C-alpha cells in the first residue's frame, strides 16, 4: 500500500498547479525561493516571502506558519501569524505550532487556497482519497 499527498494551488477560483509527494518531504510556500512559489505583485502582497511550511510524512501532513505578517488559515481558522514588528530573521519557526491536516482540508495563504488530497493505493486497486482517521 502506498500513499500520495497532493497539494493543489487554487488562485482566482481556478486550479493553477498540483504538487504530489509520495515520501517524506518538507515544502515551503511563499513568494520567493520556495518549493511552491505563489504569484507576486499587485494584489498578492499578503503572502510573505516564506509564508508557511508543509511537513509531509505520508499519510500524515502538517502545516506550520513561518511567522507570516498576515497569518495562515486551515479551513478558515488562523493557525499562526507573527506578532509585533519583529523581522522574520529574528523568529524561530519551531516556536509556531503545526496543524495536522486531513484529506479535503484547505489551507489559505493570502488570497490563495491550497487543497490537500490524501490518496491511498493498494496492490492493483485505484487511488482512493480517504480521511486519515480511517487509517
C-alpha atoms as a PDB file:
ATOM      1  CA  UNK A   1       0.000   0.000   0.000  1.00  0.00           C
ATOM      2  CA  UNK A   2       1.326   3.445  -0.861  1.00  0.00           C
ATOM      3  CA  UNK A   3       0.105   6.945  -0.140  1.00  0.00           C
ATOM      4  CA  UNK A   4       0.280  10.030  -2.325  1.00  0.00           C
ATOM      5  CA  UNK A   5      -0.183  13.518  -0.891  1.00  0.00           C
ATOM      6  CA  UNK A   6      -1.237  16.156  -3.415  1.00  0.00           C
ATOM      7  CA  UNK A   7      -1.255  19.891  -2.751  1.00  0.00           C
ATOM      8  CA  UNK A   8      -3.395  21.739  -5.317  1.00  0.00           C
ATOM      9  CA  UNK A   9      -2.891  25.501  -5.535  1.00  0.00           C
ATOM     10  CA  UNK A  10      -6.059  27.437  -6.361  1.00  0.00           C
ATOM     11  CA  UNK A  11      -5.732  31.068  -7.443  1.00  0.00           C
ATOM     12  CA  UNK A  12      -8.632  33.231  -8.619  1.00  0.00           C
ATOM     13  CA  UNK A  13     -11.046  30.257  -8.298  1.00  0.00           C
ATOM     14  CA  UNK A  14      -9.088  28.024 -10.689  1.00  0.00           C
ATOM     15  CA  UNK A  15      -6.555  25.307 -10.005  1.00  0.00           C
ATOM     16  CA  UNK A  16      -3.142  26.507 -11.088  1.00  0.00           C
ATOM     17  CA  UNK A  17      -0.766  23.701 -10.215  1.00  0.00           C
ATOM     18  CA  UNK A  18      -0.529  20.416  -8.337  1.00  0.00           C
ATOM     19  CA  UNK A  19       2.398  19.140  -6.283  1.00  0.00           C
ATOM     20  CA  UNK A  20       2.493  15.412  -5.473  1.00  0.00           C
ATOM     21  CA  UNK A  21       4.548  13.736  -2.739  1.00  0.00           C
ATOM     22  CA  UNK A  22       4.939  10.015  -2.095  1.00  0.00           C
ATOM     23  CA  UNK A  23       7.651  10.133   0.537  1.00  0.00           C
ATOM     24  CA  UNK A  24       8.815  12.189   3.447  1.00  0.00           C
ATOM     25  CA  UNK A  25       9.329  15.820   2.466  1.00  0.00           C
ATOM     26  CA  UNK A  26       9.161  19.462   3.515  1.00  0.00           C
ATOM     27  CA  UNK A  27       7.584  22.036   1.256  1.00  0.00           C
ATOM     28  CA  UNK A  28       7.843  25.790   1.885  1.00  0.00           C
ATOM     29  CA  UNK A  29       5.179  28.082   0.406  1.00  0.00           C
ATOM     30  CA  UNK A  30       5.797  31.776  -0.247  1.00  0.00           C
ATOM     31  CA  UNK A  31       6.683  34.436  -2.800  1.00  0.00           C
ATOM     32  CA  UNK A  32      10.413  33.815  -3.240  1.00  0.00           C
ATOM     33  CA  UNK A  33      12.785  30.821  -3.404  1.00  0.00           C
ATOM     34  CA  UNK A  34      10.233  28.270  -2.185  1.00  0.00           C
ATOM     35  CA  UNK A  35       9.108  24.854  -3.358  1.00  0.00           C
ATOM     36  CA  UNK A  36       5.678  26.377  -4.045  1.00  0.00           C
ATOM     37  CA  UNK A  37       6.075  29.980  -5.269  1.00  0.00           C
ATOM     38  CA  UNK A  38       2.832  31.938  -5.300  1.00  0.00           C
ATOM     39  CA  UNK A  39       2.268  34.897  -7.636  1.00  0.00           C
ATOM     40  CA  UNK A  40       3.926  38.172  -6.708  1.00  0.00           C
ATOM     41  CA  UNK A  41       2.992  41.726  -7.456  1.00  0.00           C
ATOM     42  CA  UNK A  42      -0.157  43.742  -7.187  1.00  0.00           C
ATOM     43  CA  UNK A  43      -2.892  42.066  -5.193  1.00  0.00           C
ATOM     44  CA  UNK A  44      -0.554  39.381  -3.841  1.00  0.00           C
ATOM     45  CA  UNK A  45       1.450  41.231  -1.204  1.00  0.00           C
ATOM     46  CA  UNK A  46      -0.438  39.425   1.585  1.00  0.00           C
ATOM     47  CA  UNK A  47       1.856  36.409   1.009  1.00  0.00           C
ATOM     48  CA  UNK A  48       5.174  36.500   2.877  1.00  0.00           C
ATOM     49  CA  UNK A  49       8.466  35.589   1.210  1.00  0.00           C
ATOM     50  CA  UNK A  50       8.480  32.338   3.245  1.00  0.00           C
ATOM     51  CA  UNK A  51       4.899  32.077   4.471  1.00  0.00           C
ATOM     52  CA  UNK A  52       4.290  28.515   5.695  1.00  0.00           C
ATOM     53  CA  UNK A  53       5.726  25.017   5.533  1.00  0.00           C
ATOM     54  CA  UNK A  54       4.124  21.632   4.890  1.00  0.00           C
ATOM     55  CA  UNK A  55       5.689  18.651   6.668  1.00  0.00           C
ATOM     56  CA  UNK A  56       4.812  15.526   4.706  1.00  0.00           C
ATOM     57  CA  UNK A  57       5.202  12.023   6.123  1.00  0.00           C
ATOM     58  CA  UNK A  58       2.587  10.011   4.201  1.00  0.00           C
ATOM     59  CA  UNK A  59      -0.126   9.513   5.195  1.00  0.00           C
ATOM     60  CA  UNK A  60       0.385  12.378   7.676  1.00  0.00           C
ATOM     61  CA  UNK A  61       0.504  16.012   6.519  1.00  0.00           C
ATOM     62  CA  UNK A  62       1.107  19.024   8.785  1.00  0.00           C
ATOM     63  CA  UNK A  63       1.330  22.747   8.115  1.00  0.00           C
ATOM     64  CA  UNK A  64       3.102  25.443  10.136  1.00  0.00           C
ATOM     65  CA  UNK A  65       3.068  29.227   9.709  1.00  0.00           C
ATOM     66  CA  UNK A  66       6.642  30.549   9.433  1.00  0.00           C
ATOM     67  CA  UNK A  67       5.962  33.925  11.030  1.00  0.00           C
ATOM     68  CA  UNK A  68       3.990  35.497   8.205  1.00  0.00           C
ATOM     69  CA  UNK A  69       2.574  39.002   8.569  1.00  0.00           C
ATOM     70  CA  UNK A  70      -0.987  38.002   7.588  1.00  0.00           C
ATOM     71  CA  UNK A  71      -1.245  34.504   9.010  1.00  0.00           C
ATOM     72  CA  UNK A  72      -2.027  31.054   7.660  1.00  0.00           C
ATOM     73  CA  UNK A  73      -5.546  29.614   7.870  1.00  0.00           C
ATOM     74  CA  UNK A  74      -6.742  25.998   7.884  1.00  0.00           C
ATOM     75  CA  UNK A  75     -10.404  25.603   6.963  1.00  0.00           C
ATOM     76  CA  UNK A  76     -10.927  29.249   7.968  1.00  0.00           C
ATOM     77  CA  UNK A  77      -9.180  29.082  11.368  1.00  0.00           C
ATOM     78  CA  UNK A  78      -5.934  31.012  11.870  1.00  0.00           C
ATOM     79  CA  UNK A  79      -3.061  28.731  12.925  1.00  0.00           C
ATOM     80  CA  UNK A  80      -0.234  31.250  13.128  1.00  0.00           C
ATOM     81  CA  UNK A  81       0.987  34.762  12.487  1.00  0.00           C
ATOM     82  CA  UNK A  82       3.899  36.912  13.532  1.00  0.00           C
ATOM     83  CA  UNK A  83       3.074  39.404  16.251  1.00  0.00           C
ATOM     84  CA  UNK A  84       4.672  42.771  16.686  1.00  0.00           C
ATOM     85  CA  UNK A  85       7.283  44.224  14.414  1.00  0.00           C
ATOM     86  CA  UNK A  86       9.952  41.536  14.706  1.00  0.00           C
ATOM     87  CA  UNK A  87      11.687  40.896  11.388  1.00  0.00           C
ATOM     88  CA  UNK A  88      11.388  37.316  10.099  1.00  0.00           C
ATOM     89  CA  UNK A  89      15.136  36.793  10.554  1.00  0.00           C
ATOM     90  CA  UNK A  90      14.655  37.059  14.337  1.00  0.00           C
ATOM     91  CA  UNK A  91      11.926  34.429  14.504  1.00  0.00           C
ATOM     92  CA  UNK A  92      12.342  30.745  15.261  1.00  0.00           C
ATOM     93  CA  UNK A  93       9.778  28.883  13.107  1.00  0.00           C
ATOM     94  CA  UNK A  94       9.869  25.959  15.541  1.00  0.00           C
ATOM     95  CA  UNK A  95       8.022  28.193  18.032  1.00  0.00           C
ATOM     96  CA  UNK A  96       4.967  28.182  15.757  1.00  0.00           C
ATOM     97  CA  UNK A  97       2.676  25.163  16.242  1.00  0.00           C
ATOM     98  CA  UNK A  98       1.894  22.677  13.491  1.00  0.00           C
ATOM     99  CA  UNK A  99      -1.622  21.739  12.446  1.00  0.00           C
ATOM    100  CA  UNK A 100      -2.310  18.201  11.244  1.00  0.00           C
ATOM    101  CA  UNK A 101      -4.295  18.083   8.003  1.00  0.00           C
ATOM    102  CA  UNK A 102      -6.746  15.591   6.527  1.00  0.00           C
ATOM    103  CA  UNK A 103      -7.929  14.809   3.025  1.00  0.00           C
ATOM    104  CA  UNK A 104     -10.045  17.713   1.753  1.00  0.00           C
ATOM    105  CA  UNK A 105      -8.635  20.350   4.123  1.00  0.00           C
ATOM    106  CA  UNK A 106      -7.936  23.795   2.695  1.00  0.00           C
ATOM    107  CA  UNK A 107      -5.006  25.984   3.692  1.00  0.00           C
ATOM    108  CA  UNK A 108      -5.340  29.683   2.890  1.00  0.00           C
ATOM    109  CA  UNK A 109      -2.196  31.687   2.190  1.00  0.00           C
ATOM    110  CA  UNK A 110      -3.145  35.250   1.324  1.00  0.00           C
ATOM    111  CA  UNK A 111      -5.801  35.005  -1.387  1.00  0.00           C
ATOM    112  CA  UNK A 112      -4.618  31.527  -2.439  1.00  0.00           C
ATOM    113  CA  UNK A 113      -6.092  28.201  -1.376  1.00  0.00           C
ATOM    114  CA  UNK A 114      -4.038  25.015  -1.155  1.00  0.00           C
ATOM    115  CA  UNK A 115      -6.241  21.902  -1.171  1.00  0.00           C
ATOM    116  CA  UNK A 116      -4.896  18.760   0.470  1.00  0.00           C
ATOM    117  CA  UNK A 117      -5.569  15.349  -1.043  1.00  0.00           C
ATOM    118  CA  UNK A 118      -4.531  12.082   0.593  1.00  0.00           C
ATOM    119  CA  UNK A 119      -4.800   9.106  -1.799  1.00  0.00           C
ATOM    120  CA  UNK A 120      -4.042   5.542  -0.799  1.00  0.00           C
ATOM    121  CA  UNK A 121      -3.418   2.786  -3.354  1.00  0.00           C
ATOM    122  CA  UNK A 122      -3.425  -0.909  -2.546  1.00  0.00           C
ATOM    123  CA  UNK A 123      -1.999  -3.672  -4.758  1.00  0.00           C
ATOM    124  CA  UNK A 124      -3.707  -3.079  -8.080  1.00  0.00           C
ATOM    125  CA  UNK A 125      -6.575  -1.005  -6.727  1.00  0.00           C
ATOM    126  CA  UNK A 126      -7.041   2.536  -7.997  1.00  0.00           C
ATOM    127  CA  UNK A 127      -6.123   5.527  -5.846  1.00  0.00           C
ATOM    128  CA  UNK A 128      -8.872   6.449  -3.414  1.00  0.00           C
ATOM    129  CA  UNK A 129      -8.964   9.546  -1.212  1.00  0.00           C
ATOM    130  CA  UNK A 130      -9.661   8.554   2.390  1.00  0.00           C
ATOM    131  CA  UNK A 131      -9.770  10.526   5.635  1.00  0.00           C
ATOM    132  CA  UNK A 132      -6.668   9.951   7.749  1.00  0.00           C
ATOM    133  CA  UNK A 133      -8.793   8.958  10.739  1.00  0.00           C
ATOM    134  CA  UNK A 134      -9.824   5.718   8.972  1.00  0.00           C
ATOM    135  CA  UNK A 135      -6.255   4.524   8.529  1.00  0.00           C
END
